[in-house]
PDB file of N, CA and C in Angstrom:
ATOM      1  N   MET A   1       0.841  -1.190   0.000  1.00  0.00           N
ATOM      2  CA  MET A   1       0.000   0.000   0.000  1.00  0.00           C
ATOM      3  C   MET A   1       0.873   1.235   0.000  1.00  0.00           C
ATOM      4  N   ARG A   2       0.372   2.293  -0.577  1.00  0.00           N
ATOM      5  CA  ARG A   2       1.144   3.530  -0.543  1.00  0.00           C
ATOM      6  C   ARG A   2       0.252   4.619   0.050  1.00  0.00           C
ATOM      7  N   GLY A   3       0.855   5.557   0.811  1.00  0.00           N
ATOM      8  CA  GLY A   3       0.095   6.635   1.431  1.00  0.00           C
ATOM      9  C   GLY A   3      -0.001   7.817   0.488  1.00  0.00           C
ATOM     10  N   VAL A   4      -1.158   8.447   0.456  1.00  0.00           N
ATOM     11  CA  VAL A   4      -1.378   9.619  -0.371  1.00  0.00           C
ATOM     12  C   VAL A   4      -1.944  10.708   0.520  1.00  0.00           C
ATOM     13  N   CYS A   5      -1.358  11.892   0.509  1.00  0.00           N
ATOM     14  CA  CYS A   5      -1.830  12.998   1.337  1.00  0.00           C
ATOM     15  C   CYS A   5      -3.042  13.625   0.678  1.00  0.00           C
ATOM     16  N   LEU A   6      -4.176  13.676   1.380  1.00  0.00           N
ATOM     17  CA  LEU A   6      -5.417  14.224   0.860  1.00  0.00           C
ATOM     18  C   LEU A   6      -5.900  15.345   1.769  1.00  0.00           C
ATOM     19  N   GLY A   7      -5.616  16.587   1.425  1.00  0.00           N
ATOM     20  CA  GLY A   7      -6.090  17.720   2.201  1.00  0.00           C
ATOM     21  C   GLY A   7      -5.647  17.696   3.652  1.00  0.00           C
ATOM     22  N   GLY A   8      -4.421  17.313   3.915  1.00  0.00           N
ATOM     23  CA  GLY A   8      -3.925  17.287   5.265  1.00  0.00           C
ATOM     24  C   GLY A   8      -4.188  15.977   5.994  1.00  0.00           C
ATOM     25  N   ARG A   9      -4.909  15.061   5.370  1.00  0.00           N
ATOM     26  CA  ARG A   9      -5.167  13.760   5.976  1.00  0.00           C
ATOM     27  C   ARG A   9      -4.487  12.700   5.135  1.00  0.00           C
ATOM     28  N   LEU A  10      -4.176  11.598   5.741  1.00  0.00           N
ATOM     29  CA  LEU A  10      -3.467  10.548   5.031  1.00  0.00           C
ATOM     30  C   LEU A  10      -4.450   9.473   4.611  1.00  0.00           C
ATOM     31  N   GLY A  11      -4.523   9.196   3.328  1.00  0.00           N
ATOM     32  CA  GLY A  11      -5.383   8.132   2.813  1.00  0.00           C
ATOM     33  C   GLY A  11      -4.506   7.024   2.279  1.00  0.00           C
ATOM     34  N   PHE A  12      -4.946   5.787   2.388  1.00  0.00           N
ATOM     35  CA  PHE A  12      -4.165   4.669   1.900  1.00  0.00           C
ATOM     36  C   PHE A  12      -4.889   4.033   0.727  1.00  0.00           C
ATOM     37  N   MET A  13      -4.173   3.849  -0.350  1.00  0.00           N
ATOM     38  CA  MET A  13      -4.753   3.215  -1.523  1.00  0.00           C
ATOM     39  C   MET A  13      -3.821   2.111  -1.976  1.00  0.00           C
ATOM     40  N   GLY A  14      -4.392   1.057  -2.439  1.00  0.00           N
ATOM     41  CA  GLY A  14      -3.586  -0.026  -2.970  1.00  0.00           C
ATOM     42  C   GLY A  14      -4.166  -0.468  -4.297  1.00  0.00           C
ATOM     43  N   ALA A  15      -3.383  -1.119  -5.117  1.00  0.00           N
ATOM     44  CA  ALA A  15      -3.876  -1.563  -6.415  1.00  0.00           C
ATOM     45  C   ALA A  15      -3.371  -2.975  -6.678  1.00  0.00           C
ATOM     46  N   ARG A  16      -4.176  -3.760  -7.346  1.00  0.00           N
ATOM     47  CA  ARG A  16      -3.775  -5.092  -7.776  1.00  0.00           C
ATOM     48  C   ARG A  16      -3.401  -5.013  -9.247  1.00  0.00           C
ATOM     49  N   LYS A  17      -3.073  -6.158  -9.825  1.00  0.00           N
ATOM     50  CA  LYS A  17      -2.688  -6.170 -11.232  1.00  0.00           C
ATOM     51  C   LYS A  17      -3.801  -5.640 -12.123  1.00  0.00           C
ATOM     52  N   SER A  18      -5.062  -5.815 -11.719  1.00  0.00           N
ATOM     53  CA  SER A  18      -6.181  -5.349 -12.534  1.00  0.00           C
ATOM     54  C   SER A  18      -6.473  -3.863 -12.337  1.00  0.00           C
ATOM     55  N   ARG A  19      -5.661  -3.174 -11.537  1.00  0.00           N
ATOM     56  CA  ARG A  19      -5.798  -1.737 -11.269  1.00  0.00           C
ATOM     57  C   ARG A  19      -7.075  -1.393 -10.510  1.00  0.00           C
ATOM     58  N   ARG A  20      -7.606  -2.332  -9.728  1.00  0.00           N
ATOM     59  CA  ARG A  20      -8.772  -2.029  -8.912  1.00  0.00           C
ATOM     60  C   ARG A  20      -8.312  -1.374  -7.617  1.00  0.00           C
ATOM     61  N   ILE A  21      -9.127  -0.479  -7.089  1.00  0.00           N
ATOM     62  CA  ILE A  21      -8.810   0.183  -5.837  1.00  0.00           C
ATOM     63  C   ILE A  21      -9.190  -0.754  -4.692  1.00  0.00           C
ATOM     64  N   ILE A  22      -8.256  -0.987  -3.779  1.00  0.00           N
ATOM     65  CA  ILE A  22      -8.522  -1.844  -2.629  1.00  0.00           C
ATOM     66  C   ILE A  22      -9.147  -1.027  -1.509  1.00  0.00           C
ATOM     67  N   ALA A  23      -8.578   0.152  -1.194  1.00  0.00           N
ATOM     68  CA  ALA A  23      -9.117   0.954  -0.098  1.00  0.00           C
ATOM     69  C   ALA A  23      -8.758   2.410  -0.276  1.00  0.00           C
ATOM     70  N   ALA A  24      -9.645   3.273   0.179  1.00  0.00           N
ATOM     71  CA  ALA A  24      -9.370   4.701   0.252  1.00  0.00           C
ATOM     72  C   ALA A  24      -9.960   5.171   1.569  1.00  0.00           C
ATOM     73  N   ILE A  25      -9.136   5.684   2.477  1.00  0.00           N
ATOM     74  CA  ILE A  25      -9.596   6.072   3.800  1.00  0.00           C
ATOM     75  C   ILE A  25      -9.296   7.547   4.011  1.00  0.00           C
ATOM     76  N   VAL A  26     -10.351   8.347   4.183  1.00  0.00           N
ATOM     77  CA  VAL A  26     -10.213   9.746   4.544  1.00  0.00           C
ATOM     78  C   VAL A  26     -11.343  10.042   5.513  1.00  0.00           C
ATOM     79  N   VAL A  27     -11.021  10.529   6.688  1.00  0.00           N
ATOM     80  CA  VAL A  27     -12.030  10.800   7.697  1.00  0.00           C
ATOM     81  C   VAL A  27     -12.537  12.226   7.543  1.00  0.00           C
ATOM     82  N   GLY A  28     -13.858  12.400   7.510  1.00  0.00           N
ATOM     83  CA  GLY A  28     -14.454  13.725   7.489  1.00  0.00           C
ATOM     84  C   GLY A  28     -14.500  14.408   6.141  1.00  0.00           C
ATOM     85  N   SER A  29     -14.231  13.728   5.051  1.00  0.00           N
ATOM     86  CA  SER A  29     -14.273  14.337   3.732  1.00  0.00           C
ATOM     87  C   SER A  29     -14.937  13.390   2.755  1.00  0.00           C
ATOM     88  N   THR A  30     -15.426  13.946   1.675  1.00  0.00           N
ATOM     89  CA  THR A  30     -15.983  13.142   0.609  1.00  0.00           C
ATOM     90  C   THR A  30     -14.924  12.995  -0.460  1.00  0.00           C
ATOM     91  N   ILE A  31     -14.709  11.781  -0.946  1.00  0.00           N
ATOM     92  CA  ILE A  31     -13.719  11.599  -1.999  1.00  0.00           C
ATOM     93  C   ILE A  31     -14.335  10.870  -3.177  1.00  0.00           C
ATOM     94  N   THR A  32     -13.765  11.092  -4.326  1.00  0.00           N
ATOM     95  CA  THR A  32     -14.145  10.384  -5.534  1.00  0.00           C
ATOM     96  C   THR A  32     -12.886   9.737  -6.070  1.00  0.00           C
ATOM     97  N   VAL A  33     -12.958   8.439  -6.343  1.00  0.00           N
ATOM     98  CA  VAL A  33     -11.799   7.722  -6.864  1.00  0.00           C
ATOM     99  C   VAL A  33     -12.160   7.199  -8.242  1.00  0.00           C
ATOM    100  N   VAL A  34     -11.351   7.565  -9.233  1.00  0.00           N
ATOM    101  CA  VAL A  34     -11.575   7.140 -10.606  1.00  0.00           C
ATOM    102  C   VAL A  34     -10.361   6.352 -11.066  1.00  0.00           C
ATOM    103  N   PRO A  35     -10.488   5.013 -11.207  1.00  0.00           N
ATOM    104  CA  PRO A  35      -9.327   4.246 -11.651  1.00  0.00           C
ATOM    105  C   PRO A  35      -9.039   4.473 -13.137  1.00  0.00           C
ATOM    106  N   ALA A  36      -7.788   4.596 -13.463  1.00  0.00           N
ATOM    107  CA  ALA A  36      -7.372   4.765 -14.848  1.00  0.00           C
ATOM    108  C   ALA A  36      -6.624   3.506 -15.279  1.00  0.00           C
ATOM    109  N   ALA A  37      -6.775   3.117 -16.519  1.00  0.00           N
ATOM    110  CA  ALA A  37      -6.182   1.884 -17.014  1.00  0.00           C
ATOM    111  C   ALA A  37      -4.652   1.929 -17.019  1.00  0.00           C
ATOM    112  N   SER A  38      -4.070   3.065 -17.415  1.00  0.00           N
ATOM    113  CA  SER A  38      -2.618   3.116 -17.538  1.00  0.00           C
ATOM    114  C   SER A  38      -1.934   4.032 -16.531  1.00  0.00           C
ATOM    115  N   ALA A  39      -2.709   4.708 -15.678  1.00  0.00           N
ATOM    116  CA  ALA A  39      -2.120   5.637 -14.723  1.00  0.00           C
ATOM    117  C   ALA A  39      -2.676   5.386 -13.331  1.00  0.00           C
ATOM    118  N   ALA A  40      -2.115   6.072 -12.356  1.00  0.00           N
ATOM    119  CA  ALA A  40      -2.602   5.969 -10.982  1.00  0.00           C
ATOM    120  C   ALA A  40      -3.989   6.601 -10.890  1.00  0.00           C
ATOM    121  N   PRO A  41      -4.800   6.174  -9.926  1.00  0.00           N
ATOM    122  CA  PRO A  41      -6.150   6.723  -9.777  1.00  0.00           C
ATOM    123  C   PRO A  41      -6.129   8.224  -9.476  1.00  0.00           C
ATOM    124  N   VAL A  42      -7.176   8.918  -9.904  1.00  0.00           N
ATOM    125  CA  VAL A  42      -7.348  10.336  -9.634  1.00  0.00           C
ATOM    126  C   VAL A  42      -8.257  10.447  -8.429  1.00  0.00           C
ATOM    127  N   VAL A  43      -7.858  11.216  -7.432  1.00  0.00           N
ATOM    128  CA  VAL A  43      -8.637  11.362  -6.209  1.00  0.00           C
ATOM    129  C   VAL A  43      -9.028  12.817  -6.059  1.00  0.00           C
ATOM    130  N   THR A  44     -10.332  13.079  -5.834  1.00  0.00           N
ATOM    131  CA  THR A  44     -10.832  14.420  -5.624  1.00  0.00           C
ATOM    132  C   THR A  44     -11.415  14.497  -4.226  1.00  0.00           C
ATOM    133  N   VAL A  45     -11.022  15.494  -3.451  1.00  0.00           N
ATOM    134  CA  VAL A  45     -11.548  15.671  -2.107  1.00  0.00           C
ATOM    135  C   VAL A  45     -12.459  16.892  -2.115  1.00  0.00           C
ATOM    136  N   ALA A  46     -13.725  16.697  -1.699  1.00  0.00           N
ATOM    137  CA  ALA A  46     -14.677  17.798  -1.627  1.00  0.00           C
ATOM    138  C   ALA A  46     -14.488  18.536  -0.311  1.00  0.00           C
ATOM    139  N   THR A  47     -14.351  19.839  -0.373  1.00  0.00           N
ATOM    140  CA  THR A  47     -14.196  20.635   0.839  1.00  0.00           C
ATOM    141  C   THR A  47     -15.379  21.594   0.960  1.00  0.00           C
ATOM    142  N   ALA A  48     -15.639  22.045   2.163  1.00  0.00           N
ATOM    143  CA  ALA A  48     -16.741  22.962   2.400  1.00  0.00           C
ATOM    144  C   ALA A  48     -16.396  24.344   1.842  1.00  0.00           C
ATOM    145  N   THR A  49     -17.383  24.989   1.212  1.00  0.00           N
ATOM    146  CA  THR A  49     -17.214  26.353   0.736  1.00  0.00           C
ATOM    147  C   THR A  49     -17.031  27.262   1.934  1.00  0.00           C
ATOM    148  N   LYS A  50     -16.109  28.204   1.847  1.00  0.00           N
ATOM    149  CA  LYS A  50     -15.861  29.108   2.962  1.00  0.00           C
ATOM    150  C   LYS A  50     -16.598  30.424   2.729  1.00  0.00           C
ATOM    151  N   TYR A  51     -17.463  30.786   3.672  1.00  0.00           N
ATOM    152  CA  TYR A  51     -18.226  32.026   3.594  1.00  0.00           C
ATOM    153  C   TYR A  51     -17.566  33.072   4.480  1.00  0.00           C
ATOM    154  N   LYS A  52     -17.607  34.345   4.053  1.00  0.00           N
ATOM    155  CA  LYS A  52     -16.951  35.428   4.786  1.00  0.00           C
ATOM    156  C   LYS A  52     -17.675  35.760   6.086  1.00  0.00           C
ATOM    157  N   ASN A  53     -19.016  35.701   6.056  1.00  0.00           N
ATOM    158  CA  ASN A  53     -19.793  36.108   7.219  1.00  0.00           C
ATOM    159  C   ASN A  53     -21.126  35.358   7.258  1.00  0.00           C
ATOM    160  N   CYS A  54     -21.914  35.627   8.289  1.00  0.00           N
ATOM    161  CA  CYS A  54     -23.200  34.925   8.460  1.00  0.00           C
ATOM    162  C   CYS A  54     -24.206  35.276   7.364  1.00  0.00           C
ATOM    163  N   THR A  55     -24.164  36.484   6.847  1.00  0.00           N
ATOM    164  CA  THR A  55     -25.091  36.861   5.777  1.00  0.00           C
ATOM    165  C   THR A  55     -24.896  35.956   4.574  1.00  0.00           C
ATOM    166  N   GLU A  56     -23.649  35.707   4.182  1.00  0.00           N
ATOM    167  CA  GLU A  56     -23.362  34.824   3.053  1.00  0.00           C
ATOM    168  C   GLU A  56     -23.736  33.374   3.371  1.00  0.00           C
ATOM    169  N   LEU A  57     -23.404  32.907   4.572  1.00  0.00           N
ATOM    170  CA  LEU A  57     -23.711  31.529   4.946  1.00  0.00           C
ATOM    171  C   LEU A  57     -25.217  31.299   5.000  1.00  0.00           C
ATOM    172  N   ASN A  58     -25.984  32.289   5.502  1.00  0.00           N
ATOM    173  CA  ASN A  58     -27.432  32.138   5.604  1.00  0.00           C
ATOM    174  C   ASN A  58     -28.148  32.153   4.260  1.00  0.00           C
ATOM    175  N   ARG A  59     -27.504  32.587   3.196  1.00  0.00           N
ATOM    176  CA  ARG A  59     -28.119  32.485   1.867  1.00  0.00           C
ATOM    177  C   ARG A  59     -28.285  31.032   1.460  1.00  0.00           C
ATOM    178  N   LYS A  60     -27.317  30.190   1.854  1.00  0.00           N
ATOM    179  CA  LYS A  60     -27.378  28.760   1.526  1.00  0.00           C
ATOM    180  C   LYS A  60     -28.029  27.963   2.654  1.00  0.00           C
ATOM    181  N   TYR A  61     -27.665  28.271   3.898  1.00  0.00           N
ATOM    182  CA  TYR A  61     -28.179  27.566   5.070  1.00  0.00           C
ATOM    183  C   TYR A  61     -29.034  28.547   5.868  1.00  0.00           C
ATOM    184  N   LYS A  62     -30.331  28.594   5.567  1.00  0.00           N
ATOM    185  CA  LYS A  62     -31.251  29.615   6.077  1.00  0.00           C
ATOM    186  C   LYS A  62     -31.209  29.804   7.595  1.00  0.00           C
ATOM    187  N   HIS A  63     -31.164  28.718   8.359  1.00  0.00           N
ATOM    188  CA  HIS A  63     -31.186  28.830   9.820  1.00  0.00           C
ATOM    189  C   HIS A  63     -29.838  28.510  10.464  1.00  0.00           C
ATOM    190  N   GLY A  64     -28.784  28.525   9.680  1.00  0.00           N
ATOM    191  CA  GLY A  64     -27.450  28.258  10.200  1.00  0.00           C
ATOM    192  C   GLY A  64     -27.018  26.823   9.959  1.00  0.00           C
ATOM    193  N   VAL A  65     -25.816  26.509  10.406  1.00  0.00           N
ATOM    194  CA  VAL A  65     -25.250  25.176  10.227  1.00  0.00           C
ATOM    195  C   VAL A  65     -24.648  24.737  11.561  1.00  0.00           C
ATOM    196  N   ALA A  66     -24.827  23.440  11.884  1.00  0.00           N
ATOM    197  CA  ALA A  66     -24.405  22.949  13.195  1.00  0.00           C
ATOM    198  C   ALA A  66     -23.617  21.659  13.086  1.00  0.00           C
ATOM    199  N   LYS A  67     -22.855  21.385  14.149  1.00  0.00           N
ATOM    200  CA  LYS A  67     -22.220  20.071  14.265  1.00  0.00           C
ATOM    201  C   LYS A  67     -23.264  19.120  14.847  1.00  0.00           C
ATOM    202  N   SER A  68     -23.064  17.843  14.676  1.00  0.00           N
ATOM    203  CA  SER A  68     -24.050  16.882  15.157  1.00  0.00           C
ATOM    204  C   SER A  68     -24.169  16.949  16.679  1.00  0.00           C
ATOM    205  N   GLY A  69     -25.395  16.844  17.171  1.00  0.00           N
ATOM    206  CA  GLY A  69     -25.669  16.881  18.604  1.00  0.00           C
ATOM    207  C   GLY A  69     -25.798  18.271  19.193  1.00  0.00           C
ATOM    208  N   ALA A  70     -25.757  19.325  18.377  1.00  0.00           N
ATOM    209  CA  ALA A  70     -25.829  20.702  18.875  1.00  0.00           C
ATOM    210  C   ALA A  70     -27.260  21.089  19.234  1.00  0.00           C
ATOM    211  N   LYS A  71     -27.379  21.926  20.276  1.00  0.00           N
ATOM    212  CA  LYS A  71     -28.671  22.480  20.678  1.00  0.00           C
ATOM    213  C   LYS A  71     -28.481  23.974  20.893  1.00  0.00           C
ATOM    214  N   ASP A  72     -29.443  24.767  20.436  1.00  0.00           N
ATOM    215  CA  ASP A  72     -29.357  26.221  20.508  1.00  0.00           C
ATOM    216  C   ASP A  72     -29.464  26.714  21.951  1.00  0.00           C
ATOM    217  N   LYS A  73     -28.552  27.611  22.350  1.00  0.00           N
ATOM    218  CA  LYS A  73     -28.632  28.281  23.651  1.00  0.00           C
ATOM    219  C   LYS A  73     -29.580  29.449  23.517  1.00  0.00           C
ATOM    220  N   VAL A  74     -30.467  29.598  24.476  1.00  0.00           N
ATOM    221  CA  VAL A  74     -31.427  30.701  24.436  1.00  0.00           C
ATOM    222  C   VAL A  74     -31.421  31.416  25.775  1.00  0.00           C
ATOM    223  N   LYS A  75     -31.392  32.754  25.720  1.00  0.00           N
ATOM    224  CA  LYS A  75     -31.504  33.557  26.934  1.00  0.00           C
ATOM    225  C   LYS A  75     -32.876  34.228  26.935  1.00  0.00           C
ATOM    226  N   GLY A  76     -33.484  34.338  28.070  1.00  0.00           N
ATOM    227  CA  GLY A  76     -34.769  35.030  28.166  1.00  0.00           C
ATOM    228  C   GLY A  76     -35.915  34.190  27.641  1.00  0.00           C
ATOM    229  N   LYS A  77     -36.862  34.850  26.965  1.00  0.00           N
ATOM    230  CA  LYS A  77     -38.092  34.199  26.510  1.00  0.00           C
ATOM    231  C   LYS A  77     -38.015  33.664  25.083  1.00  0.00           C
ATOM    232  N   GLY A  78     -36.887  33.815  24.426  1.00  0.00           N
ATOM    233  CA  GLY A  78     -36.752  33.351  23.039  1.00  0.00           C
ATOM    234  C   GLY A  78     -36.869  31.841  22.917  1.00  0.00           C
ATOM    235  N   LYS A  79     -37.269  31.393  21.756  1.00  0.00           N
ATOM    236  CA  LYS A  79     -37.374  29.956  21.491  1.00  0.00           C
ATOM    237  C   LYS A  79     -36.124  29.494  20.753  1.00  0.00           C
ATOM    238  N   PRO A  80     -35.641  28.279  21.046  1.00  0.00           N
ATOM    239  CA  PRO A  80     -34.442  27.786  20.356  1.00  0.00           C
ATOM    240  C   PRO A  80     -34.675  27.544  18.867  1.00  0.00           C
ATOM    241  N   VAL A  81     -33.651  27.794  18.086  1.00  0.00           N
ATOM    242  CA  VAL A  81     -33.698  27.538  16.647  1.00  0.00           C
ATOM    243  C   VAL A  81     -33.617  26.033  16.435  1.00  0.00           C
ATOM    244  N   LYS A  82     -34.479  25.490  15.563  1.00  0.00           N
ATOM    245  CA  LYS A  82     -34.468  24.052  15.308  1.00  0.00           C
ATOM    246  C   LYS A  82     -34.309  23.713  13.830  1.00  0.00           C
ATOM    247  N   GLY A  83     -34.412  24.678  12.931  1.00  0.00           N
ATOM    248  CA  GLY A  83     -34.370  24.394  11.502  1.00  0.00           C
ATOM    249  C   GLY A  83     -32.996  24.464  10.877  1.00  0.00           C
ATOM    250  N   PHE A  84     -31.943  24.410  11.682  1.00  0.00           N
ATOM    251  CA  PHE A  84     -30.587  24.518  11.149  1.00  0.00           C
ATOM    252  C   PHE A  84     -30.171  23.217  10.454  1.00  0.00           C
ATOM    253  N   THR A  85     -29.177  23.317   9.580  1.00  0.00           N
ATOM    254  CA  THR A  85     -28.621  22.174   8.864  1.00  0.00           C
ATOM    255  C   THR A  85     -27.482  21.582   9.675  1.00  0.00           C
ATOM    256  N   VAL A  86     -27.480  20.254   9.824  1.00  0.00           N
ATOM    257  CA  VAL A  86     -26.388  19.581  10.528  1.00  0.00           C
ATOM    258  C   VAL A  86     -25.379  19.100   9.494  1.00  0.00           C
ATOM    259  N   ASN A  87     -24.173  19.667   9.536  1.00  0.00           N
ATOM    260  CA  ASN A  87     -23.108  19.310   8.605  1.00  0.00           C
ATOM    261  C   ASN A  87     -21.778  19.598   9.303  1.00  0.00           C
ATOM    262  N   ASN A  88     -21.123  18.545   9.773  1.00  0.00           N
ATOM    263  CA  ASN A  88     -19.891  18.705  10.545  1.00  0.00           C
ATOM    264  C   ASN A  88     -18.787  19.411   9.775  1.00  0.00           C
ATOM    265  N   ALA A  89     -18.626  19.110   8.491  1.00  0.00           N
ATOM    266  CA  ALA A  89     -17.552  19.725   7.690  1.00  0.00           C
ATOM    267  C   ALA A  89     -17.769  21.226   7.528  1.00  0.00           C
ATOM    268  N   VAL A  90     -19.003  21.629   7.227  1.00  0.00           N
ATOM    269  CA  VAL A  90     -19.292  23.064   7.052  1.00  0.00           C
ATOM    270  C   VAL A  90     -19.167  23.783   8.391  1.00  0.00           C
ATOM    271  N   TYR A  91     -19.661  23.172   9.476  1.00  0.00           N
ATOM    272  CA  TYR A  91     -19.533  23.800  10.797  1.00  0.00           C
ATOM    273  C   TYR A  91     -18.062  23.998  11.164  1.00  0.00           C
ATOM    274  N   LYS A  92     -17.257  22.968  10.944  1.00  0.00           N
ATOM    275  CA  LYS A  92     -15.836  23.052  11.293  1.00  0.00           C
ATOM    276  C   LYS A  92     -15.154  24.206  10.555  1.00  0.00           C
ATOM    277  N   THR A  93     -15.520  24.413   9.289  1.00  0.00           N
ATOM    278  CA  THR A  93     -14.955  25.501   8.497  1.00  0.00           C
ATOM    279  C   THR A  93     -15.399  26.866   9.027  1.00  0.00           C
ATOM    280  N   HIS A  94     -16.605  26.942   9.627  1.00  0.00           N
ATOM    281  CA  HIS A  94     -17.178  28.220  10.056  1.00  0.00           C
ATOM    282  C   HIS A  94     -17.350  28.319  11.564  1.00  0.00           C
ATOM    283  N   ARG A  95     -16.576  27.565  12.312  1.00  0.00           N
ATOM    284  CA  ARG A  95     -16.663  27.574  13.775  1.00  0.00           C
ATOM    285  C   ARG A  95     -16.497  28.984  14.336  1.00  0.00           C
ATOM    286  N   ARG A  96     -15.711  29.812  13.680  1.00  0.00           N
ATOM    287  CA  ARG A  96     -15.488  31.189  14.148  1.00  0.00           C
ATOM    288  C   ARG A  96     -16.768  32.025  14.135  1.00  0.00           C
ATOM    289  N   LEU A  97     -17.788  31.599  13.362  1.00  0.00           N
ATOM    290  CA  LEU A  97     -19.054  32.322  13.286  1.00  0.00           C
ATOM    291  C   LEU A  97     -20.057  31.866  14.355  1.00  0.00           C
ATOM    292  N   ASP A  98     -19.661  30.919  15.192  1.00  0.00           N
ATOM    293  CA  ASP A  98     -20.505  30.457  16.299  1.00  0.00           C
ATOM    294  C   ASP A  98     -20.175  31.312  17.518  1.00  0.00           C
ATOM    295  N   ARG A  99     -20.846  32.438  17.654  1.00  0.00           N
ATOM    296  CA  ARG A  99     -20.501  33.427  18.678  1.00  0.00           C
ATOM    297  C   ARG A  99     -20.811  32.984  20.093  1.00  0.00           C
ATOM    298  N   ASP A 100     -21.892  32.215  20.279  1.00  0.00           N
ATOM    299  CA  ASP A 100     -22.253  31.805  21.638  1.00  0.00           C
ATOM    300  C   ASP A 100     -21.726  30.418  22.016  1.00  0.00           C
ATOM    301  N   GLY A 101     -21.012  29.767  21.118  1.00  0.00           N
ATOM    302  CA  GLY A 101     -20.352  28.491  21.409  1.00  0.00           C
ATOM    303  C   GLY A 101     -21.287  27.321  21.654  1.00  0.00           C
ATOM    304  N   ASP A 102     -22.486  27.364  21.058  1.00  0.00           N
ATOM    305  CA  ASP A 102     -23.461  26.291  21.271  1.00  0.00           C
ATOM    306  C   ASP A 102     -23.394  25.175  20.222  1.00  0.00           C
ATOM    307  N   GLY A 103     -22.469  25.289  19.273  1.00  0.00           N
ATOM    308  CA  GLY A 103     -22.344  24.271  18.229  1.00  0.00           C
ATOM    309  C   GLY A 103     -23.130  24.581  16.971  1.00  0.00           C
ATOM    310  N   ILE A 104     -23.726  25.783  16.911  1.00  0.00           N
ATOM    311  CA  ILE A 104     -24.502  26.214  15.732  1.00  0.00           C
ATOM    312  C   ILE A 104     -23.932  27.554  15.264  1.00  0.00           C
ATOM    313  N   ALA A 105     -23.490  27.601  14.015  1.00  0.00           N
ATOM    314  CA  ALA A 105     -22.949  28.842  13.459  1.00  0.00           C
ATOM    315  C   ALA A 105     -24.034  29.579  12.693  1.00  0.00           C
ATOM    316  N   CYS A 106     -24.184  30.863  12.942  1.00  0.00           N
ATOM    317  CA  CYS A 106     -25.105  31.739  12.220  1.00  0.00           C
ATOM    318  C   CYS A 106     -26.569  31.335  12.374  1.00  0.00           C
ATOM    319  N   GLU A 107     -26.967  30.897  13.567  1.00  0.00           N
ATOM    320  CA  GLU A 107     -28.364  30.504  13.761  1.00  0.00           C
ATOM    321  C   GLU A 107     -29.301  31.699  13.663  1.00  0.00           C
ATOM    322  N   LYS A 108     -30.467  31.455  13.063  1.00  0.00           N
ATOM    323  CA  LYS A 108     -31.507  32.487  12.914  1.00  0.00           C
ATOM    324  C   LYS A 108     -32.819  31.925  13.375  1.00  0.00           C
TER     325      LYS A 108
END
C-alpha cells in the first residue's frame, strides 16, 4: 500500500494487477476515486465552501449550520432555533461564526 496525502489527511490506496482500488480512507471528507487503465487513480476531495460572514452563509443555510448533537442556547423568553442544517464539515470551516459556542454557526 502507498500513502497519499489528501487535504492534510493521510489516505491509503492499494492496487492489484487489474488496477482495482482496494481501499481509500479519509475521515471527514468526501472523496471520488476514478481508476485509470494506464495511470494511478485520480482522487478528488470535496471541501466545504468558505463564507466570509453569516449573511453569506445564511443564503445557503437559512437557519445556520451545526455540528451533530448541537442544541441552541437561548436567553430570556426566546425559542431555540431548530431548523438549522447539521453538517460537521461546514460547521468546522465556520466555527469562528458560532458566537455563543453552542455548536450552531449563524443561527436564525
